[in-house]
Protein backbone atom coordinates (compact mmCIF):
# COMPACT_ATOMS: atom_id res chain seq x y z
CA UNK A 1 0.00 0.00 0.00
CA UNK A 2 1.36 3.43 -0.99
CA UNK A 3 0.47 7.02 -0.24
CA UNK A 4 2.19 9.01 -2.97
CA UNK A 5 5.86 8.04 -2.90
CA UNK A 6 5.62 6.66 0.63
CA UNK A 7 5.41 2.88 1.01
CA UNK A 8 3.46 1.69 4.05
CA UNK A 9 3.80 -2.00 3.25
CA UNK A 10 4.23 -4.09 0.11
CA UNK A 11 4.24 -7.71 -1.04
CA UNK A 12 2.25 -8.73 2.04
CA UNK A 13 0.95 -12.30 2.07
CA UNK A 14 -0.76 -13.46 5.24
CA UNK A 15 -3.82 -15.33 6.44
CA UNK A 16 -6.12 -14.62 9.37
CA UNK A 17 -7.52 -17.96 10.46
CA UNK A 18 -10.81 -18.78 12.16
CA UNK A 19 -10.65 -19.14 15.93
CA UNK A 20 -7.50 -17.02 16.30
CA UNK A 21 -7.17 -13.53 17.75
CA UNK A 22 -4.81 -11.13 16.00
CA UNK A 23 -3.36 -7.81 17.13
CA UNK A 24 -2.19 -5.33 14.49
CA UNK A 25 0.77 -3.36 15.86
CA UNK A 26 3.13 -0.63 14.71
CA UNK A 27 3.94 2.99 15.59
CA UNK A 28 1.64 5.89 14.71
CA UNK A 29 1.65 6.40 10.95
CA UNK A 30 2.87 2.87 10.17
CA UNK A 31 -0.44 1.98 8.49
CA UNK A 32 -2.43 0.05 11.10
CA UNK A 33 -5.77 1.74 10.38
CA UNK A 34 -5.00 1.63 6.65
CA UNK A 35 -4.50 -2.14 6.84
CA UNK A 36 -7.72 -2.46 8.82
CA UNK A 37 -9.61 -0.43 6.20
CA UNK A 38 -8.22 -2.68 3.46
CA UNK A 39 -9.40 -5.75 5.38
CA UNK A 40 -12.82 -4.12 5.82
CA UNK A 41 -13.05 -3.27 2.11
CA UNK A 42 -13.32 0.47 2.79
CA UNK A 43 -10.24 1.14 0.64
CA UNK A 44 -8.54 -0.96 -2.03
CA UNK A 45 -4.86 -1.92 -1.93
CA UNK A 46 -2.50 -0.34 -4.45
CA UNK A 47 -1.60 -3.82 -5.69
CA UNK A 48 -2.65 -7.37 -4.96
CA UNK A 49 -5.91 -8.93 -3.86
CA UNK A 50 -7.72 -9.83 -0.65
CA UNK A 51 -10.30 -12.50 0.12
CA UNK A 52 -12.76 -11.73 2.89
CA UNK A 53 -15.99 -13.31 4.16
CA UNK A 54 -19.33 -11.91 2.99
CA UNK A 55 -20.09 -10.56 6.45
CA UNK A 56 -17.71 -8.62 8.65
CA UNK A 57 -18.36 -7.26 12.11
CA UNK A 58 -16.68 -3.86 12.37
CA UNK A 59 -16.30 -1.88 15.59
CA UNK A 60 -15.91 1.76 14.61
CA UNK A 61 -13.19 3.88 16.20
CA UNK A 62 -15.47 6.91 16.59
CA UNK A 63 -17.73 6.29 19.59
CA UNK A 64 -19.60 9.56 18.97
CA UNK A 65 -20.58 8.97 15.32
CA UNK A 66 -24.04 7.61 16.24
CA UNK A 67 -24.97 10.03 19.04
CA UNK A 68 -28.13 11.22 17.24
CA UNK A 69 -29.49 7.70 16.62
CA UNK A 70 -31.51 5.39 18.84
CA UNK A 71 -29.55 2.59 20.49
CA UNK A 72 -31.64 -0.11 18.78
CA UNK A 73 -31.16 1.53 15.36
CA UNK A 74 -27.41 1.79 15.90
CA UNK A 75 -27.23 -1.98 16.35
CA UNK A 76 -29.28 -2.65 13.20
CA UNK A 77 -26.89 -0.43 11.22
CA UNK A 78 -24.40 -3.27 11.62
CA UNK A 79 -26.17 -4.82 8.61
CA UNK A 80 -25.68 -1.98 6.13
CA UNK A 81 -27.69 -3.69 3.37
CA UNK A 82 -30.69 -4.06 5.66
CA UNK A 83 -30.39 -0.55 7.10
CA UNK A 84 -30.24 1.11 3.66
CA UNK A 85 -33.27 -0.88 2.54
CA UNK A 86 -35.22 0.08 5.68
CA UNK A 87 -34.38 3.77 5.25
CA UNK A 88 -35.37 3.81 1.59
CA UNK A 89 -38.56 1.85 2.30
CA UNK A 90 -39.59 4.16 5.14
CA UNK A 91 -38.92 7.21 2.95
CA UNK A 92 -41.22 5.85 0.25
CA UNK A 93 -43.95 4.97 2.75
CA UNK A 94 -43.70 8.51 4.13
CA UNK A 95 -44.78 9.93 0.78
CA UNK A 96 -48.44 10.95 0.38
CA UNK A 97 -50.32 7.98 -1.05
CA UNK A 98 -51.51 9.92 -4.12
CA UNK A 99 -47.93 10.88 -5.04
CA UNK A 100 -46.64 7.29 -5.19
CA UNK A 101 -45.83 6.21 -8.74
CA UNK A 102 -45.81 2.78 -10.32
CA UNK A 103 -42.01 2.93 -10.16
CA UNK A 104 -42.25 3.59 -6.42
CA UNK A 105 -44.52 0.59 -6.04
CA UNK A 106 -42.09 -1.65 -7.91
CA UNK A 107 -39.22 -0.39 -5.78
CA UNK A 108 -41.19 -1.01 -2.58
CA UNK A 109 -41.67 -4.63 -3.64
CA UNK A 110 -37.92 -4.98 -4.20
CA UNK A 111 -37.14 -3.38 -0.86
CA UNK A 112 -39.57 -5.64 1.03
CA UNK A 113 -37.76 -8.60 -0.54
CA UNK A 114 -34.38 -7.32 0.68
CA UNK A 115 -35.78 -6.64 4.16
CA UNK A 116 -37.16 -10.18 4.33
CA UNK A 117 -33.92 -11.80 3.11
CA UNK A 118 -31.83 -9.82 5.61
CA UNK A 119 -34.06 -10.65 8.59
CA UNK A 120 -35.52 -7.17 8.81
CA UNK A 121 -38.88 -8.24 10.22
CA UNK A 122 -37.21 -9.55 13.39
CA UNK A 123 -34.32 -7.05 13.38
CA UNK A 124 -35.41 -5.05 16.44
CA UNK A 125 -36.05 -8.21 18.46
CA UNK A 126 -32.69 -9.69 17.40
CA UNK A 127 -30.91 -6.43 18.26
CA UNK A 128 -32.61 -6.33 21.67
CA UNK A 129 -31.45 -9.89 22.43
CA UNK A 130 -27.88 -8.90 21.58
CA UNK A 131 -28.05 -5.78 23.74
CA UNK A 132 -29.50 -7.71 26.66
CA UNK A 133 -26.74 -10.30 26.36
CA UNK A 134 -24.11 -7.56 26.40
CA UNK A 135 -25.54 -6.00 29.54
CA UNK A 136 -27.32 -3.00 27.99
CA UNK A 137 -30.58 -2.67 29.93
CA UNK A 138 -33.84 -2.67 27.97
CA UNK A 139 -34.77 0.83 29.19
CA UNK A 140 -31.76 2.17 27.26
CA UNK A 141 -32.74 0.63 23.92
CA UNK A 142 -34.95 3.54 22.85
CA UNK A 143 -32.60 6.27 24.05
CA UNK A 144 -30.23 8.24 21.87
CA UNK A 145 -26.61 7.07 21.82
CA UNK A 146 -25.49 10.51 23.01
CA UNK A 147 -27.17 9.85 26.37
CA UNK A 148 -25.01 6.79 27.12
CA UNK A 149 -21.69 6.55 28.97
CA UNK A 150 -18.54 5.48 27.15
CA UNK A 151 -18.63 1.88 28.37
CA UNK A 152 -22.29 1.54 27.40
CA UNK A 153 -21.56 2.96 23.94
CA UNK A 154 -18.85 0.38 23.31
CA UNK A 155 -21.25 -2.42 24.23
CA UNK A 156 -23.83 -1.03 21.80
CA UNK A 157 -21.21 -0.70 19.05
CA UNK A 158 -20.01 -4.23 19.74
CA UNK A 159 -23.63 -5.39 19.37
CA UNK A 160 -23.64 -3.51 16.05
CA UNK A 161 -20.51 -5.37 14.98
CA UNK A 162 -22.02 -8.72 16.01
CA UNK A 163 -25.44 -8.10 14.43
CA UNK A 164 -26.01 -10.83 11.84
CA UNK A 165 -23.47 -13.27 13.40
CA UNK A 166 -20.40 -12.31 11.32
CA UNK A 167 -17.55 -14.86 11.15
CA UNK A 168 -14.91 -12.12 11.58
CA UNK A 169 -14.70 -9.21 14.00
CA UNK A 170 -12.52 -6.15 13.27
CA UNK A 171 -11.93 -3.70 16.14
CA UNK A 172 -10.09 -0.37 15.76
CA UNK A 173 -9.12 1.12 19.14
CA UNK A 174 -11.98 -0.52 21.10
CA UNK A 175 -10.67 0.62 24.51
CA UNK A 176 -10.72 4.37 23.75
CA UNK A 177 -12.74 6.29 26.39
CA UNK A 178 -13.47 3.11 28.38
CA UNK A 179 -13.13 2.86 32.14
CA UNK A 180 -11.24 -0.10 33.61
CA UNK A 181 -14.38 -2.12 34.36
CA UNK A 182 -15.48 -1.85 30.73
CA UNK A 183 -12.02 -2.78 29.45
CA UNK A 184 -12.01 -5.91 31.60
CA UNK A 185 -15.50 -6.80 30.43
CA UNK A 186 -14.44 -6.40 26.78
CA UNK A 187 -11.33 -8.55 27.33
CA UNK A 188 -13.39 -11.38 28.78
CA UNK A 189 -15.96 -11.13 26.00
CA UNK A 190 -13.39 -11.26 23.21
CA UNK A 191 -11.67 -14.28 24.75
CA UNK A 192 -14.96 -16.16 24.26
CA UNK A 193 -15.56 -14.96 20.68
CA UNK A 194 -15.51 -18.05 18.39
CA UNK A 195 -14.62 -16.36 15.06
CA UNK A 196 -11.49 -14.59 13.84
CA UNK A 197 -10.69 -11.42 15.76
CA UNK A 198 -8.47 -8.60 14.44
CA UNK A 199 -7.83 -5.70 16.81
CA UNK A 200 -5.82 -2.46 16.94
CA UNK A 201 -5.07 -0.93 20.32
CA UNK A 202 -2.39 1.16 22.03
CA UNK A 203 -3.12 -0.65 25.30
CA UNK A 204 -0.27 -3.16 25.66
CA UNK A 205 -1.92 -5.02 28.55
CA UNK A 206 -5.17 -5.35 26.59
CA UNK A 207 -3.32 -6.79 23.56
CA UNK A 208 -1.39 -9.24 25.73
CA UNK A 209 -4.68 -10.39 27.21
CA UNK A 210 -6.74 -10.91 24.05
CA UNK A 211 -4.33 -11.67 21.17
CA UNK A 212 -2.90 -15.07 20.31
CA UNK A 213 -1.01 -13.73 17.26
CA UNK A 214 0.50 -10.35 16.41
CA UNK A 215 0.69 -8.85 12.91
CA UNK A 216 3.42 -6.22 13.18
CA UNK A 217 3.81 -3.51 10.52
CA UNK A 218 7.52 -2.78 10.12
CA UNK A 219 10.27 -2.90 7.47
CA UNK A 220 7.57 -1.90 4.92
CA UNK A 221 5.79 -5.23 5.34
CA UNK A 222 3.58 -7.15 7.78
CA UNK A 223 5.30 -9.83 9.88
CA UNK A 224 3.25 -12.39 11.81
CA UNK A 225 4.43 -13.44 15.27
CA UNK A 226 2.85 -16.01 17.62
CA UNK A 227 1.69 -14.65 20.98
CA UNK A 228 0.73 -11.26 22.34
CA UNK A 229 2.42 -7.88 22.12
CA UNK A 230 5.22 -8.58 24.60
CA UNK A 231 5.95 -11.92 22.88
CA UNK A 232 6.25 -10.06 19.55
CA UNK A 233 8.63 -7.45 20.97
CA UNK A 234 10.87 -10.15 22.47
CA UNK A 235 10.94 -12.24 19.28
CA UNK A 236 11.52 -9.18 17.10
CA UNK A 237 14.39 -7.99 19.32
CA UNK A 238 16.00 -11.44 19.40
CA UNK A 239 15.83 -11.84 15.60
CA UNK A 240 17.40 -8.43 14.99
CA UNK A 241 20.06 -8.98 17.66
CA UNK A 242 20.94 -12.35 16.10
CA UNK A 243 21.32 -10.80 12.63
CA UNK A 244 23.41 -7.95 14.02
CA UNK A 245 25.71 -10.39 15.87
CA UNK A 246 26.09 -12.54 12.75
CA UNK A 247 26.86 -9.43 10.68
CA UNK A 248 29.51 -8.36 13.20
CA UNK A 249 31.25 -11.76 12.91
CA UNK A 250 31.11 -11.62 9.12
CA UNK A 251 32.49 -8.07 9.05
CA UNK A 252 35.36 -9.12 11.32
CA UNK A 253 36.15 -12.06 9.01
CA UNK A 254 35.99 -9.81 5.92
CA UNK A 255 38.33 -7.33 7.62
CA UNK A 256 40.86 -10.11 8.30
CA UNK A 257 40.65 -11.37 4.72
CA UNK A 258 41.06 -7.86 3.29
CA UNK A 259 44.13 -7.34 5.49
CA UNK A 260 45.67 -10.54 4.07
CA UNK A 261 44.85 -9.44 0.52
CA UNK A 262 46.39 -5.98 1.05
CA UNK A 263 49.53 -7.50 2.55
CA UNK A 264 50.27 -10.19 -0.04
CA UNK A 265 48.56 -8.97 -3.26
CA UNK A 266 51.91 -7.87 -4.74
CA UNK A 267 53.87 -10.90 -3.52
CA UNK A 268 54.29 -14.54 -4.40
CA UNK A 269 51.09 -15.79 -2.72
CA UNK A 270 48.79 -14.83 -5.58
CA UNK A 271 46.78 -18.07 -5.47
CA UNK A 272 45.99 -17.54 -1.78
CA UNK A 273 45.10 -13.90 -2.44
CA UNK A 274 42.71 -14.95 -5.22
CA UNK A 275 41.15 -17.50 -2.87
CA UNK A 276 40.67 -14.85 -0.17
CA UNK A 277 39.04 -12.47 -2.65
CA UNK A 278 36.54 -15.14 -3.63
CA UNK A 279 35.84 -15.79 0.04
CA UNK A 280 35.18 -12.08 0.63
CA UNK A 281 32.66 -12.11 -2.22
CA UNK A 282 30.98 -15.15 -0.73
CA UNK A 283 30.81 -13.80 2.83
CA UNK A 284 28.21 -11.06 2.64
CA UNK A 285 26.45 -9.40 5.55
CA UNK A 286 22.66 -9.56 5.73
CA UNK A 287 20.91 -6.34 4.83
CA UNK A 288 19.13 -4.91 7.85
CA UNK A 289 16.14 -2.88 6.74
CA UNK A 290 15.50 0.27 8.74
CA UNK A 291 12.85 -0.26 11.41
CA UNK A 292 10.07 2.31 11.68
CA UNK A 293 10.15 2.11 15.48
CA UNK A 294 11.03 5.44 17.07
CA UNK A 295 10.58 6.19 20.74
CA UNK A 296 10.16 9.66 22.23
CA UNK A 297 12.52 10.87 24.91
CA UNK A 298 10.55 12.13 27.88
CA UNK A 299 12.11 13.63 30.99
CA UNK A 300 10.36 15.74 33.60
CA UNK A 301 12.75 18.30 35.03
CA UNK A 302 11.90 20.05 38.28
CA UNK A 303 13.32 23.57 38.24
CA UNK A 304 12.72 24.10 41.95
CA UNK A 305 11.56 21.61 44.57
CA UNK A 306 8.18 22.35 46.07
CA UNK A 307 7.29 22.47 49.75
CA UNK A 308 6.64 19.30 51.72
CA UNK A 309 2.91 19.49 50.98
CA UNK A 310 2.37 20.64 47.37
CA UNK A 311 -1.44 20.26 47.56
CA UNK A 312 -4.06 20.39 50.29
CA UNK A 313 -7.84 20.41 49.99
CA UNK A 314 -10.45 21.01 52.64
CA UNK A 315 -14.17 20.19 52.28
CA UNK A 316 -14.03 20.53 48.47
CA UNK A 317 -17.54 20.13 46.95
CA UNK A 318 -18.97 20.08 43.43
CA UNK A 319 -22.47 19.33 42.10
CA UNK A 320 -24.26 19.53 38.77
CA UNK A 321 -27.83 20.44 39.72
CA UNK A 322 -29.10 17.70 42.02
CA UNK A 323 -26.22 15.39 41.11
CA UNK A 324 -23.55 15.52 43.82
CA UNK A 325 -20.28 14.61 42.11
CA UNK A 326 -17.74 15.51 44.82
CA UNK A 327 -18.83 15.25 48.43
CA UNK A 328 -16.79 17.23 50.98
CA UNK A 329 -13.28 16.10 50.09
CA UNK A 330 -10.27 16.75 52.33
CA UNK A 331 -6.76 15.52 51.62
CA UNK A 332 -3.09 16.41 51.86
CA UNK A 333 -0.58 15.32 49.19
CA UNK A 334 3.05 14.89 50.21
CA UNK A 335 5.93 15.78 47.91
CA UNK A 336 7.03 12.81 45.81
CA UNK A 337 3.71 10.93 45.98
CA UNK A 338 2.26 9.51 42.75
CA UNK A 339 -1.51 9.14 42.81
CA UNK A 340 -3.83 7.36 40.35
CA UNK A 341 -7.36 8.76 40.18
CA UNK A 342 -9.76 5.93 39.39
CA UNK A 343 -13.47 5.52 38.87
CA UNK A 344 -16.10 4.57 36.30
CA UNK A 345 -16.91 6.86 33.41
CA UNK A 346 -19.13 9.65 34.69
CA UNK A 347 -18.02 9.20 38.31
CA UNK A 348 -16.34 12.63 38.38
CA UNK A 349 -12.61 12.05 37.79
CA UNK A 350 -12.22 14.97 35.35
CA UNK A 351 -14.47 17.12 37.52
CA UNK A 352 -12.17 16.54 40.49
CA UNK A 353 -9.11 17.46 38.43
CA UNK A 354 -10.75 20.65 37.19
CA UNK A 355 -11.75 21.52 40.75
CA UNK A 356 -8.09 21.26 41.75
CA UNK A 357 -6.83 23.20 38.73
CA UNK A 358 -9.07 26.23 39.08
CA UNK A 359 -6.44 28.11 41.13
CA UNK A 360 -3.33 26.12 40.12
CA UNK A 361 -0.12 27.98 39.26
CA UNK A 362 1.89 27.01 36.19
CA UNK A 363 0.94 25.87 32.69
CA UNK A 364 -2.84 25.72 33.02
CA UNK A 365 -5.20 27.21 30.41
CA UNK A 366 -7.32 30.21 31.36
CA UNK A 367 -10.52 28.21 30.78
CA UNK A 368 -9.58 25.89 33.65
CA UNK A 369 -9.33 28.86 36.04
CA UNK A 370 -13.00 29.68 35.32
CA UNK A 371 -14.26 26.34 36.62
CA UNK A 372 -16.67 26.82 39.53
CA UNK A 373 -16.96 24.71 42.68
CA UNK A 374 -19.70 24.70 45.31
CA UNK A 375 -17.50 25.05 48.36
CA UNK A 376 -14.27 24.20 50.12
CA UNK A 377 -10.70 25.21 49.44
CA UNK A 378 -7.78 23.96 47.39
CA UNK A 379 -4.34 25.23 48.39
CA UNK A 380 -1.20 24.75 46.30
CA UNK A 381 2.08 24.77 48.18
CA UNK A 382 5.29 26.77 48.00
CA UNK A 383 7.12 26.80 44.61
CA UNK A 384 4.52 24.50 42.97
CA UNK A 385 4.15 24.71 39.19
CA UNK A 386 1.39 22.59 37.62
CA UNK A 387 1.31 21.03 34.15
CA UNK A 388 -2.03 19.73 32.87
CA UNK A 389 -2.51 17.12 30.13
CA UNK A 390 -6.18 17.43 29.19
CA UNK A 391 -8.47 14.77 27.78
CA UNK A 392 -9.42 17.06 24.89
CA UNK A 393 -6.80 19.42 23.45
CA UNK A 394 -9.06 21.35 21.08
CA UNK A 395 -9.07 24.44 23.31
CA UNK A 396 -5.46 24.13 24.46
CA UNK A 397 -3.73 24.69 21.12
CA UNK A 398 -4.51 28.01 19.45
CA UNK A 399 -6.06 27.48 16.03
CA UNK A 400 -3.83 28.37 13.10
CA UNK A 401 -0.60 28.34 15.10
CA UNK A 402 2.33 26.12 14.20
CA UNK A 403 3.83 23.73 16.69
CA UNK A 404 6.88 25.96 17.09
CA UNK A 405 4.75 29.09 17.68
CA UNK A 406 2.60 27.31 20.23
CA UNK A 407 5.62 26.13 22.25
CA UNK A 408 7.26 29.57 22.09
CA UNK A 409 4.50 31.18 24.14
CA UNK A 410 5.46 29.08 27.18
CA UNK A 411 9.08 30.30 27.13
CA UNK A 412 9.71 33.39 24.98
CA UNK A 413 13.37 33.31 26.04
CA UNK A 414 13.94 29.94 24.35
CA UNK A 415 15.83 29.81 21.05
CA UNK A 416 14.54 28.05 17.94
CA UNK A 417 17.24 25.42 18.37
CA UNK A 418 16.05 24.67 21.91
CA UNK A 419 12.41 24.44 20.83
CA UNK A 420 13.25 22.23 17.85
CA UNK A 421 15.33 20.05 20.16
CA UNK A 422 12.33 19.62 22.44
CA UNK A 423 10.11 18.80 19.45
CA UNK A 424 12.69 16.29 18.24
CA UNK A 425 12.50 14.46 21.56
CA UNK A 426 8.80 13.92 20.83
CA UNK A 427 9.56 12.77 17.24
CA UNK A 428 8.58 16.00 15.46
CA UNK A 429 11.29 16.51 12.84
CA UNK A 430 12.14 19.00 10.10
CA UNK A 431 9.09 20.73 8.65
CA UNK A 432 6.79 19.26 11.33
CA UNK A 433 7.66 22.26 13.49
CA UNK A 434 6.09 24.61 10.94
CA UNK A 435 2.88 22.67 10.38
CA UNK A 436 -0.38 24.05 11.82
CA UNK A 437 -1.98 21.81 14.42
CA UNK A 438 -4.95 20.81 12.24
CA UNK A 439 -2.64 18.86 9.94
CA UNK A 440 -1.54 16.49 12.68
CA UNK A 441 -3.46 13.34 13.62
CA UNK A 442 -4.88 13.20 17.14
CA UNK A 443 -2.00 11.12 18.51
CA UNK A 444 0.56 13.70 17.36
CA UNK A 445 -1.44 16.54 18.87
CA UNK A 446 -1.37 14.70 22.21
CA UNK A 447 2.43 14.44 21.95
């Protein structure tokens, strides 16, 4: 597959077998989602062919794409042929009776045939059974998707993918926006799935749990490894280390032979020199293709140590109408502590963070300082400077600014070389520094 002159992968031959669970891995930009779209049939490969089953269950990456639809309808959309026929049929039936033409009548007959063949007359009942089995309560079936929590949405979208009993299930980033309980539920469900599973995720623990094989995109191809993500990394490292060690031995041997040739080429040992030259030609090192793996360099420097208690709260409270999110909360954080904030989606984790940030010193956006609480105090200690990595960065990065311009505002005394060095640590190179933010994918904007 190519994009312009850039090769993502080529000459790929692999099979995804029934009953196995495959992870697709590779760094951002390697072509994971592109490969998934080729498998789905959404895009065609530049060269070659692909054989896929008639039905595919596809879990969409965008959990907000169906927010305006009913839950039950979202599930039925998993059968696109049926859904299109239902929409067209309903549109024709919505016409005034006197305006229906003979052509409309013929088309209605065709559509009723498609609906019948695709199980449309029992579609809502079948969808409800799926939703019930996945733990989505019946009172939610008629609600809009936008009213559901993240974990509930994923269950609905998984029901969409399973609607019609597809023999293959393709999941692109299924754990995005899920709380830990939902991730564990999804892991257990996928381990019981009888068909072929193909999944993309940046959650290493999730991939280790669910995948029995790993299809890694690297060296401009797709290499299949047995086992989960960690098994793939170990095997990949061992193979490359073995080739590098073998190359080192070969290079040492070639160096010794070349030294012999240089020493005796003008002497009386011409037959031995000729033999050594042939041996040099025979001993060739293995070409090591350049890996696309690149890791950012992250280091958190503390300019000045804070006081012994960098954060203290007393009776902090926050409600949304009648919903009490944070009950009187009192705590004291000691310097050096590392705290994980846990809870189900909608429990108030982000609300608690925003309640703490409203008077935080350091690199916090002005919008966070406007957040209102119902009562209590939050006190930041001596020499504390706070950095905040938000869930959504749309408001954090000024529209139209380049990456270099955006960084400059945090330290106007910094030179371009220093800023580019910082960007390089996060794998932004060359012209990336001059690109406006809208041209970067979401993962790069988070970096």
